[in-house]
């Protein structure tokens, strides 16, 4: 039988591809949108990661989710530094979650509060994605809007405490393979992973509607 980390990746591949190939992300990475669109996207991430990381402390000793709670992954402080750079020191006064972002963050908080397996699904889709595709976004952002390499504006994508991302991802996949869950629970986690990518896609669609490319 395939390792759970392989099963989960293959099972969510379709949703993952769909979310990644959204017109908003394509336009953003293609340099066709302004830095304001990038700032708005970063703002949406703040709401989602707050839900993820606010829920982390209570799960630290949980047999299912606990092994995944790693301080070197935490992103909220970095996002806040980026937003201060992008929007100015009073950025919190204007930060607004899109309806899709609100729904996404609420789902993460719900899982954190009562379903550790579901929390792991959201943890996996976010943090492993940041360590992988997130680096492409960082590179594009630095080139497109002139941010200092790995500096303010792209700190969200810089994992200073992880020296070897490839080794870290292998370790993380090992945690997935060893997760304290039976087959039924593993299937529920896979379904929640798919849902997480759907939430991502919905956020991208709403961002796309807010930042349409002029014809």
Protein backbone atom coordinates (compact mmCIF):
# COMPACT_ATOMS: atom_id res chain seq x y z
CA UNK A 1 0.00 0.00 0.00
CA UNK A 2 1.24 3.50 -0.87
CA UNK A 3 2.46 5.79 1.89
CA UNK A 4 -0.20 8.18 3.19
CA UNK A 5 1.87 11.21 2.12
CA UNK A 6 1.78 9.89 -1.46
CA UNK A 7 -1.94 9.07 -1.34
CA UNK A 8 -2.81 12.52 0.00
CA UNK A 9 -0.72 14.28 -2.66
CA UNK A 10 -2.18 12.26 -5.53
CA UNK A 11 -5.75 12.52 -4.24
CA UNK A 12 -5.68 16.32 -4.02
CA UNK A 13 -3.69 16.87 -7.21
CA UNK A 14 -6.67 18.00 -9.30
CA UNK A 15 -7.83 20.62 -6.78
CA UNK A 16 -4.24 21.72 -6.22
CA UNK A 17 -3.65 22.30 -9.93
CA UNK A 18 -6.97 24.12 -10.26
CA UNK A 19 -6.14 26.50 -7.39
CA UNK A 20 -2.63 27.16 -8.68
CA UNK A 21 -3.76 27.87 -12.23
CA UNK A 22 -6.35 30.50 -11.24
CA UNK A 23 -6.40 33.59 -13.45
CA UNK A 24 -5.55 35.81 -10.46
CA UNK A 25 -2.41 33.84 -9.62
CA UNK A 26 -1.43 33.60 -13.29
CA UNK A 27 -1.84 37.37 -13.69
CA UNK A 28 0.03 38.06 -10.44
CA UNK A 29 2.96 35.80 -11.30
CA UNK A 30 2.94 37.07 -14.89
CA UNK A 31 3.60 40.60 -13.63
CA UNK A 32 0.30 41.84 -15.05
CA UNK A 33 -1.04 43.08 -11.72
CA UNK A 34 0.20 45.87 -9.49
CA UNK A 35 1.74 45.58 -6.06
CA UNK A 36 -1.66 46.46 -4.57
CA UNK A 37 -3.02 43.10 -5.75
CA UNK A 38 -0.07 41.34 -4.14
CA UNK A 39 -0.68 43.27 -0.90
CA UNK A 40 -4.36 42.31 -0.93
CA UNK A 41 -3.45 38.66 -1.40
CA UNK A 42 -0.93 38.86 1.46
CA UNK A 43 -3.66 40.38 3.61
CA UNK A 44 -5.93 37.39 2.94
CA UNK A 45 -3.13 35.04 3.98
CA UNK A 46 -2.93 36.86 7.31
CA UNK A 47 -6.50 35.90 8.20
CA UNK A 48 -5.95 32.24 7.29
CA UNK A 49 -2.61 31.90 9.10
CA UNK A 50 -3.97 33.56 12.20
CA UNK A 51 -6.62 30.83 12.33
CA UNK A 52 -3.95 28.16 11.79
CA UNK A 53 -1.53 29.50 14.37
CA UNK A 54 -4.07 30.63 16.97
CA UNK A 55 -5.22 27.02 17.03
CA UNK A 56 -1.72 25.54 17.17
CA UNK A 57 -0.96 26.04 20.86
CA UNK A 58 -3.92 23.98 22.11
CA UNK A 59 -2.96 21.14 19.75
CA UNK A 60 0.72 20.97 20.72
CA UNK A 61 0.21 17.84 22.87
CA UNK A 62 -2.43 16.25 20.66
CA UNK A 63 -1.37 12.77 19.43
CA UNK A 64 -2.63 13.46 15.89
CA UNK A 65 -1.82 17.12 15.25
CA UNK A 66 0.90 17.70 17.86
CA UNK A 67 3.85 16.35 15.83
CA UNK A 68 3.06 18.87 13.05
CA UNK A 69 3.17 21.96 15.29
CA UNK A 70 6.64 23.28 14.48
CA UNK A 71 7.79 26.74 15.54
CA UNK A 72 10.01 27.05 12.47
CA UNK A 73 6.92 27.02 10.25
CA UNK A 74 5.00 29.84 11.98
CA UNK A 75 4.21 32.64 9.56
CA UNK A 76 1.99 35.26 11.21
CA UNK A 77 4.83 37.49 12.46
CA UNK A 78 6.43 37.45 8.99
CA UNK A 79 3.13 38.26 7.26
CA UNK A 80 2.66 41.19 9.65
CA UNK A 81 6.12 42.53 8.76
CA UNK A 82 5.29 42.22 5.07
CA UNK A 83 1.97 44.02 5.52
CA UNK A 84 3.61 46.86 7.45
CA UNK A 85 6.01 47.22 4.52
CA UNK A 86 3.28 46.95 1.88
CA UNK A 87 0.52 48.95 3.55
CA UNK A 88 2.21 51.08 6.20
CA UNK A 89 2.16 50.90 10.02
CA UNK A 90 -1.63 51.24 10.27
CA UNK A 91 -2.39 48.34 7.92
CA UNK A 92 -4.60 46.59 10.51
CA UNK A 93 -7.15 49.41 10.28
CA UNK A 94 -7.86 48.64 6.64
CA UNK A 95 -7.35 44.86 6.55
CA UNK A 96 -10.58 43.21 5.37
CA UNK A 97 -11.18 39.52 4.76
CA UNK A 98 -12.96 38.56 1.56
CA UNK A 99 -16.07 36.39 2.11
CA UNK A 100 -14.16 33.36 0.81
CA UNK A 101 -11.28 34.12 3.18
CA UNK A 102 -13.69 34.41 6.11
CA UNK A 103 -15.17 31.01 5.26
CA UNK A 104 -11.70 29.49 4.87
CA UNK A 105 -10.40 30.87 8.17
CA UNK A 106 -13.59 29.80 9.95
CA UNK A 107 -13.17 26.24 8.66
CA UNK A 108 -9.55 26.13 9.84
CA UNK A 109 -10.59 27.42 13.27
CA UNK A 110 -13.40 24.87 13.44
CA UNK A 111 -10.99 22.00 12.73
CA UNK A 112 -8.43 23.37 15.21
CA UNK A 113 -11.14 23.47 17.85
CA UNK A 114 -12.47 19.96 17.50
CA UNK A 115 -10.92 17.84 14.78
CA UNK A 116 -7.12 17.47 14.86
CA UNK A 117 -7.07 15.38 11.67
CA UNK A 118 -8.85 18.14 9.79
CA UNK A 119 -6.41 20.66 11.20
CA UNK A 120 -3.52 18.56 9.84
CA UNK A 121 -5.16 18.64 6.38
CA UNK A 122 -5.12 22.45 6.38
CA UNK A 123 -1.65 22.57 7.93
CA UNK A 124 -0.29 20.32 5.18
CA UNK A 125 -1.89 22.18 2.28
CA UNK A 126 -0.62 25.54 3.52
CA UNK A 127 2.86 25.01 4.92
CA UNK A 128 4.11 22.39 2.50
CA UNK A 129 2.82 24.57 -0.32
CA UNK A 130 4.68 27.57 1.09
CA UNK A 131 7.92 25.61 1.20
CA UNK A 132 7.45 24.53 -2.43
CA UNK A 133 5.47 26.76 -4.79
CA UNK A 134 5.75 29.69 -2.42
CA UNK A 135 9.37 30.09 -3.44
CA UNK A 136 8.28 30.74 -7.04
CA UNK A 137 5.97 33.51 -5.79
CA UNK A 138 8.80 35.05 -3.75
CA UNK A 139 11.15 35.08 -6.73
CA UNK A 140 8.51 36.64 -9.01
CA UNK A 141 7.57 39.23 -6.39
CA UNK A 142 11.20 40.29 -5.91
CA UNK A 143 11.67 40.70 -9.64
CA UNK A 144 8.30 42.31 -10.38
CA UNK A 145 8.03 44.82 -7.54
CA UNK A 146 11.68 45.22 -6.58
CA UNK A 147 11.55 43.84 -3.06
CA UNK A 148 14.90 43.22 -1.45
CA UNK A 149 15.85 39.56 -1.84
CA UNK A 150 14.25 37.66 1.06
CA UNK A 151 13.48 41.03 2.67
CA UNK A 152 10.45 43.09 3.66
CA UNK A 153 7.49 42.31 1.42
CA UNK A 154 8.41 38.64 0.89
CA UNK A 155 9.32 37.51 4.41
CA UNK A 156 6.25 35.26 4.45
CA UNK A 157 8.06 32.99 1.97
CA UNK A 158 11.39 32.96 3.85
CA UNK A 159 11.77 30.15 6.39
CA UNK A 160 14.88 31.32 8.19
CA UNK A 161 14.83 28.46 10.69
CA UNK A 162 14.72 25.77 7.99
CA UNK A 163 18.21 25.27 6.57
CA UNK A 164 17.28 22.45 4.22
CA UNK A 165 13.70 22.67 2.86
CA UNK A 166 14.01 19.38 0.96
CA UNK A 167 15.01 17.51 4.13
CA UNK A 168 12.29 19.25 6.11
CA UNK A 169 9.65 18.24 3.56
CA UNK A 170 10.86 14.64 3.75
CA UNK A 171 10.56 14.77 7.54
CA UNK A 172 7.07 16.26 7.24
CA UNK A 173 5.96 13.54 4.83
CA UNK A 174 7.31 11.01 7.33
CA UNK A 175 5.02 12.55 9.97
CA UNK A 176 2.08 12.15 7.59
CA UNK A 177 3.00 8.52 6.96
CA UNK A 178 3.11 7.88 10.72
CA UNK A 179 -0.06 9.84 11.57
CA UNK A 180 -2.15 8.37 14.39
CA UNK A 181 -5.23 7.73 12.25
CA UNK A 182 -7.07 4.69 10.90
CA UNK A 183 -8.02 4.27 7.25
CA UNK A 184 -11.43 5.91 7.67
CA UNK A 185 -9.89 8.95 9.37
CA UNK A 186 -7.19 9.13 6.70
CA UNK A 187 -9.90 9.31 4.03
CA UNK A 188 -11.59 12.13 5.96
CA UNK A 189 -8.25 13.97 6.09
CA UNK A 190 -7.84 13.56 2.32
CA UNK A 191 -11.34 14.95 1.78
CA UNK A 192 -10.51 17.93 3.99
CA UNK A 193 -7.34 18.51 1.95
CA UNK A 194 -9.44 18.73 -1.19
CA UNK A 195 -11.74 21.15 0.62
CA UNK A 196 -8.74 23.29 1.63
CA UNK A 197 -7.70 23.64 -2.01
CA UNK A 198 -11.31 24.51 -2.92
CA UNK A 199 -11.24 27.27 -0.27
CA UNK A 200 -7.99 28.54 -1.80
CA UNK A 201 -9.56 28.53 -5.24
CA UNK A 202 -12.55 30.52 -3.97
CA UNK A 203 -10.23 33.16 -2.47
CA UNK A 204 -8.38 33.41 -5.80
CA UNK A 205 -11.69 33.81 -7.68
CA UNK A 206 -12.76 36.67 -5.41
CA UNK A 207 -9.35 38.32 -5.73
CA UNK A 208 -9.62 37.92 -9.49
CA UNK A 209 -12.99 39.69 -9.45
CA UNK A 210 -11.46 42.52 -7.39
CA UNK A 211 -8.44 42.85 -9.69
CA UNK A 212 -9.70 42.17 -13.21
CA UNK A 213 -7.24 42.87 -15.99
CA UNK A 214 -8.55 45.72 -18.12
CA UNK A 215 -9.43 44.36 -21.53
